């Protein structure tokens, strides 16, 4: 069973984005390749990660 996680894009640095978990407290942002994220993301975009896929939160 896959866990659903919620993130917000903190910053975009070239081919990578720093994501901050919003559903649980964490100190470190998660560095994710832009190729794995929706093309429309910008700083502040809220994302949902489920079924091994990132989607923009509706």
PDB file of N, CA and C in Angstrom:
ATOM      1  N   UNK A   1       0.848  -1.192   0.000  1.00  0.00           N
ATOM      2  CA  UNK A   1       0.000   0.000   0.000  1.00  0.00           C
ATOM      3  C   UNK A   1       0.889   1.250   0.000  1.00  0.00           C
ATOM      4  N   UNK A   2       0.505   2.212  -0.801  1.00  0.00           N
ATOM      5  CA  UNK A   2       1.292   3.436  -0.935  1.00  0.00           C
ATOM      6  C   UNK A   2       0.747   4.524  -0.017  1.00  0.00           C
ATOM      7  N   UNK A   3       1.661   5.278   0.565  1.00  0.00           N
ATOM      8  CA  UNK A   3       1.295   6.385   1.432  1.00  0.00           C
ATOM      9  C   UNK A   3       1.114   7.649   0.585  1.00  0.00           C
ATOM     10  N   UNK A   4       0.135   8.472   0.925  1.00  0.00           N
ATOM     11  CA  UNK A   4      -0.046   9.764   0.272  1.00  0.00           C
ATOM     12  C   UNK A   4       0.710  10.810   1.069  1.00  0.00           C
ATOM     13  N   UNK A   5       1.523  11.622   0.375  1.00  0.00           N
ATOM     14  CA  UNK A   5       2.301  12.668   1.027  1.00  0.00           C
ATOM     15  C   UNK A   5       2.016  14.001   0.351  1.00  0.00           C
ATOM     16  N   UNK A   6       2.098  15.065   1.134  1.00  0.00           N
ATOM     17  CA  UNK A   6       1.812  16.408   0.633  1.00  0.00           C
ATOM     18  C   UNK A   6       3.066  17.271   0.740  1.00  0.00           C
ATOM     19  N   UNK A   7       3.333  18.023  -0.328  1.00  0.00           N
ATOM     20  CA  UNK A   7       4.532  18.854  -0.400  1.00  0.00           C
ATOM     21  C   UNK A   7       4.183  20.239  -0.936  1.00  0.00           C
ATOM     22  N   UNK A   8       5.100  21.172  -0.698  1.00  0.00           N
ATOM     23  CA  UNK A   8       5.041  22.486  -1.330  1.00  0.00           C
ATOM     24  C   UNK A   8       6.421  22.752  -1.916  1.00  0.00           C
ATOM     25  N   UNK A   9       6.450  23.318  -3.124  1.00  0.00           N
ATOM     26  CA  UNK A   9       7.719  23.635  -3.769  1.00  0.00           C
ATOM     27  C   UNK A   9       8.315  24.843  -3.059  1.00  0.00           C
ATOM     28  N   UNK A  10       9.465  24.641  -2.402  1.00  0.00           N
ATOM     29  CA  UNK A  10      10.156  25.732  -1.699  1.00  0.00           C
ATOM     30  C   UNK A  10      10.986  26.556  -2.661  1.00  0.00           C
ATOM     31  N   UNK A  11      11.719  25.873  -3.532  1.00  0.00           N
ATOM     32  CA  UNK A  11      12.568  26.580  -4.493  1.00  0.00           C
ATOM     33  C   UNK A  11      12.856  25.670  -5.680  1.00  0.00           C
ATOM     34  N   UNK A  12      13.224  26.299  -6.787  1.00  0.00           N
ATOM     35  CA  UNK A  12      13.595  25.577  -7.998  1.00  0.00           C
ATOM     36  C   UNK A  12      15.008  26.012  -8.347  1.00  0.00           C
ATOM     37  N   UNK A  13      15.874  25.025  -8.547  1.00  0.00           N
ATOM     38  CA  UNK A  13      17.279  25.293  -8.838  1.00  0.00           C
ATOM     39  C   UNK A  13      17.683  24.464 -10.050  1.00  0.00           C
ATOM     40  N   UNK A  14      17.546  25.045 -11.231  1.00  0.00           N
ATOM     41  CA  UNK A  14      17.895  24.337 -12.461  1.00  0.00           C
ATOM     42  C   UNK A  14      17.013  23.125 -12.687  1.00  0.00           C
ATOM     43  N   UNK A  15      17.623  21.945 -12.723  1.00  0.00           N
ATOM     44  CA  UNK A  15      16.894  20.706 -12.999  1.00  0.00           C
ATOM     45  C   UNK A  15      16.313  20.059 -11.749  1.00  0.00           C
ATOM     46  N   UNK A  16      16.387  20.753 -10.615  1.00  0.00           N
ATOM     47  CA  UNK A  16      15.917  20.190  -9.354  1.00  0.00           C
ATOM     48  C   UNK A  16      14.985  21.160  -8.635  1.00  0.00           C
ATOM     49  N   UNK A  17      14.134  20.597  -7.784  1.00  0.00           N
ATOM     50  CA  UNK A  17      13.249  21.408  -6.946  1.00  0.00           C
ATOM     51  C   UNK A  17      13.377  20.921  -5.508  1.00  0.00           C
ATOM     52  N   UNK A  18      13.331  21.846  -4.572  1.00  0.00           N
ATOM     53  CA  UNK A  18      13.322  21.525  -3.147  1.00  0.00           C
ATOM     54  C   UNK A  18      11.873  21.505  -2.681  1.00  0.00           C
ATOM     55  N   UNK A  19      11.450  20.354  -2.164  1.00  0.00           N
ATOM     56  CA  UNK A  19      10.076  20.196  -1.702  1.00  0.00           C
ATOM     57  C   UNK A  19      10.047  20.091  -0.189  1.00  0.00           C
ATOM     58  N   UNK A  20       9.081  20.751   0.422  1.00  0.00           N
ATOM     59  CA  UNK A  20       8.889  20.721   1.876  1.00  0.00           C
ATOM     60  C   UNK A  20       7.607  19.957   2.167  1.00  0.00           C
ATOM     61  N   UNK A  21       7.701  18.944   3.040  1.00  0.00           N
ATOM     62  CA  UNK A  21       6.495  18.208   3.439  1.00  0.00           C
ATOM     63  C   UNK A  21       5.574  19.152   4.194  1.00  0.00           C
ATOM     64  N   UNK A  22       4.297  19.084   3.899  1.00  0.00           N
ATOM     65  CA  UNK A  22       3.335  19.939   4.584  1.00  0.00           C
ATOM     66  C   UNK A  22       2.401  19.148   5.484  1.00  0.00           C
ATOM     67  N   UNK A  23       2.407  17.819   5.377  1.00  0.00           N
ATOM     68  CA  UNK A  23       1.510  17.011   6.197  1.00  0.00           C
ATOM     69  C   UNK A  23       2.175  16.512   7.482  1.00  0.00           C
ATOM     70  N   UNK A  24       3.511  16.534   7.541  1.00  0.00           N
ATOM     71  CA  UNK A  24       4.243  16.175   8.756  1.00  0.00           C
ATOM     72  C   UNK A  24       5.415  17.133   8.910  1.00  0.00           C
ATOM     73  N   UNK A  25       5.904  17.276  10.150  1.00  0.00           N
ATOM     74  CA  UNK A  25       7.048  18.152  10.414  1.00  0.00           C
ATOM     75  C   UNK A  25       8.346  17.488   9.967  1.00  0.00           C
ATOM     76  N   UNK A  26       9.104  18.172   9.138  1.00  0.00           N
ATOM     77  CA  UNK A  26      10.439  17.708   8.761  1.00  0.00           C
ATOM     78  C   UNK A  26      11.358  18.920   8.715  1.00  0.00           C
ATOM     79  N   UNK A  27      12.628  18.699   8.990  1.00  0.00           N
ATOM     80  CA  UNK A  27      13.596  19.787   8.961  1.00  0.00           C
ATOM     81  C   UNK A  27      14.196  19.975   7.578  1.00  0.00           C
ATOM     82  N   UNK A  28      14.439  18.876   6.888  1.00  0.00           N
ATOM     83  CA  UNK A  28      15.141  18.921   5.608  1.00  0.00           C
ATOM     84  C   UNK A  28      14.170  18.918   4.430  1.00  0.00           C
ATOM     85  N   UNK A  29      14.388  19.805   3.454  1.00  0.00           N
ATOM     86  CA  UNK A  29      13.599  19.709   2.225  1.00  0.00           C
ATOM     87  C   UNK A  29      14.048  18.490   1.423  1.00  0.00           C
ATOM     88  N   UNK A  30      13.196  18.030   0.536  1.00  0.00           N
ATOM     89  CA  UNK A  30      13.497  16.873  -0.304  1.00  0.00           C
ATOM     90  C   UNK A  30      13.893  17.398  -1.689  1.00  0.00           C
ATOM     91  N   UNK A  31      15.059  16.993  -2.167  1.00  0.00           N
ATOM     92  CA  UNK A  31      15.543  17.405  -3.480  1.00  0.00           C
ATOM     93  C   UNK A  31      15.031  16.412  -4.514  1.00  0.00           C
ATOM     94  N   UNK A  32      14.265  16.915  -5.501  1.00  0.00           N
ATOM     95  CA  UNK A  32      13.634  16.053  -6.501  1.00  0.00           C
ATOM     96  C   UNK A  32      13.956  16.589  -7.892  1.00  0.00           C
ATOM     97  N   UNK A  33      14.281  15.687  -8.801  1.00  0.00           N
ATOM     98  CA  UNK A  33      14.544  16.074 -10.191  1.00  0.00           C
ATOM     99  C   UNK A  33      13.275  16.638 -10.816  1.00  0.00           C
ATOM    100  N   UNK A  34      13.411  17.729 -11.548  1.00  0.00           N
ATOM    101  CA  UNK A  34      12.250  18.370 -12.193  1.00  0.00           C
ATOM    102  C   UNK A  34      11.556  17.422 -13.161  1.00  0.00           C
ATOM    103  N   UNK A  35      12.306  16.489 -13.749  1.00  0.00           N
ATOM    104  CA  UNK A  35      11.720  15.540 -14.707  1.00  0.00           C
ATOM    105  C   UNK A  35      10.648  14.670 -14.053  1.00  0.00           C
ATOM    106  N   UNK A  36      10.684  14.528 -12.730  1.00  0.00           N
ATOM    107  CA  UNK A  36       9.698  13.716 -12.018  1.00  0.00           C
ATOM    108  C   UNK A  36       8.474  14.525 -11.583  1.00  0.00           C
ATOM    109  N   UNK A  37       8.512  15.834 -11.785  1.00  0.00           N
ATOM    110  CA  UNK A  37       7.446  16.728 -11.330  1.00  0.00           C
ATOM    111  C   UNK A  37       6.643  17.261 -12.508  1.00  0.00           C
ATOM    112  N   UNK A  38       5.404  17.709 -12.256  1.00  0.00           N
ATOM    113  CA  UNK A  38       4.628  18.322 -13.333  1.00  0.00           C
ATOM    114  C   UNK A  38       5.360  19.545 -13.905  1.00  0.00           C
ATOM    115  N   UNK A  39       5.302  19.731 -15.204  1.00  0.00           N
ATOM    116  CA  UNK A  39       6.023  20.811 -15.879  1.00  0.00           C
ATOM    117  C   UNK A  39       5.571  22.197 -15.416  1.00  0.00           C
ATOM    118  N   UNK A  40       4.331  22.331 -14.948  1.00  0.00           N
ATOM    119  CA  UNK A  40       3.756  23.642 -14.596  1.00  0.00           C
ATOM    120  C   UNK A  40       4.142  24.140 -13.215  1.00  0.00           C
ATOM    121  N   UNK A  41       4.969  23.434 -12.477  1.00  0.00           N
ATOM    122  CA  UNK A  41       5.261  23.855 -11.104  1.00  0.00           C
ATOM    123  C   UNK A  41       5.993  25.193 -11.059  1.00  0.00           C
ATOM    124  N   UNK A  42       5.792  25.886  -9.962  1.00  0.00           N
ATOM    125  CA  UNK A  42       6.500  27.128  -9.652  1.00  0.00           C
ATOM    126  C   UNK A  42       6.706  27.133  -8.143  1.00  0.00           C
ATOM    127  N   UNK A  43       7.511  28.053  -7.645  1.00  0.00           N
ATOM    128  CA  UNK A  43       7.690  28.147  -6.199  1.00  0.00           C
ATOM    129  C   UNK A  43       6.333  28.395  -5.554  1.00  0.00           C
ATOM    130  N   UNK A  44       6.032  27.639  -4.507  1.00  0.00           N
ATOM    131  CA  UNK A  44       4.752  27.762  -3.824  1.00  0.00           C
ATOM    132  C   UNK A  44       3.699  26.765  -4.290  1.00  0.00           C
ATOM    133  N   UNK A  45       3.938  26.058  -5.389  1.00  0.00           N
ATOM    134  CA  UNK A  45       2.979  25.067  -5.879  1.00  0.00           C
ATOM    135  C   UNK A  45       2.826  23.945  -4.861  1.00  0.00           C
ATOM    136  N   UNK A  46       1.583  23.547  -4.608  1.00  0.00           N
ATOM    137  CA  UNK A  46       1.316  22.450  -3.681  1.00  0.00           C
ATOM    138  C   UNK A  46       1.162  21.167  -4.485  1.00  0.00           C
ATOM    139  N   UNK A  47       1.839  20.108  -4.001  1.00  0.00           N
ATOM    140  CA  UNK A  47       1.855  18.831  -4.702  1.00  0.00           C
ATOM    141  C   UNK A  47       1.347  17.706  -3.814  1.00  0.00           C
ATOM    142  N   UNK A  48       0.822  16.676  -4.457  1.00  0.00           N
ATOM    143  CA  UNK A  48       0.431  15.438  -3.794  1.00  0.00           C
ATOM    144  C   UNK A  48       1.279  14.335  -4.411  1.00  0.00           C
ATOM    145  N   UNK A  49       1.863  13.478  -3.556  1.00  0.00           N
ATOM    146  CA  UNK A  49       2.637  12.337  -4.025  1.00  0.00           C
ATOM    147  C   UNK A  49       1.894  11.075  -3.633  1.00  0.00           C
ATOM    148  N   UNK A  50       1.421  10.345  -4.640  1.00  0.00           N
ATOM    149  CA  UNK A  50       0.761   9.074  -4.388  1.00  0.00           C
ATOM    150  C   UNK A  50       0.945   8.180  -5.598  1.00  0.00           C
ATOM    151  N   UNK A  51       0.966   6.887  -5.341  1.00  0.00           N
ATOM    152  CA  UNK A  51       1.178   5.900  -6.405  1.00  0.00           C
ATOM    153  C   UNK A  51       2.467   6.194  -7.187  1.00  0.00           C
ATOM    154  N   UNK A  52       3.503   6.624  -6.458  1.00  0.00           N
ATOM    155  CA  UNK A  52       4.822   6.923  -7.015  1.00  0.00           C
ATOM    156  C   UNK A  52       4.789   8.015  -8.079  1.00  0.00           C
ATOM    157  N   UNK A  53       3.874   8.995  -7.922  1.00  0.00           N
ATOM    158  CA  UNK A  53       3.717  10.065  -8.894  1.00  0.00           C
ATOM    159  C   UNK A  53       3.375  11.378  -8.185  1.00  0.00           C
ATOM    160  N   UNK A  54       3.959  12.480  -8.668  1.00  0.00           N
ATOM    161  CA  UNK A  54       3.650  13.806  -8.138  1.00  0.00           C
ATOM    162  C   UNK A  54       2.575  14.448  -9.000  1.00  0.00           C
ATOM    163  N   UNK A  55       1.563  15.041  -8.353  1.00  0.00           N
ATOM    164  CA  UNK A  55       0.493  15.752  -9.050  1.00  0.00           C
ATOM    165  C   UNK A  55       0.276  17.080  -8.341  1.00  0.00           C
ATOM    166  N   UNK A  56      -0.166  18.077  -9.089  1.00  0.00           N
ATOM    167  CA  UNK A  56      -0.501  19.373  -8.482  1.00  0.00           C
ATOM    168  C   UNK A  56      -1.781  19.189  -7.689  1.00  0.00           C
ATOM    169  N   UNK A  57      -1.757  19.677  -6.443  1.00  0.00           N
ATOM    170  CA  UNK A  57      -2.931  19.542  -5.553  1.00  0.00           C
ATOM    171  C   UNK A  57      -4.038  20.435  -6.047  1.00  0.00           C
ATOM    172  N   UNK A  58      -5.215  19.881  -6.150  1.00  0.00           N
ATOM    173  CA  UNK A  58      -6.396  20.629  -6.635  1.00  0.00           C
ATOM    174  C   UNK A  58      -7.058  21.381  -5.494  1.00  0.00           C
TER     175      UNK A  58
END
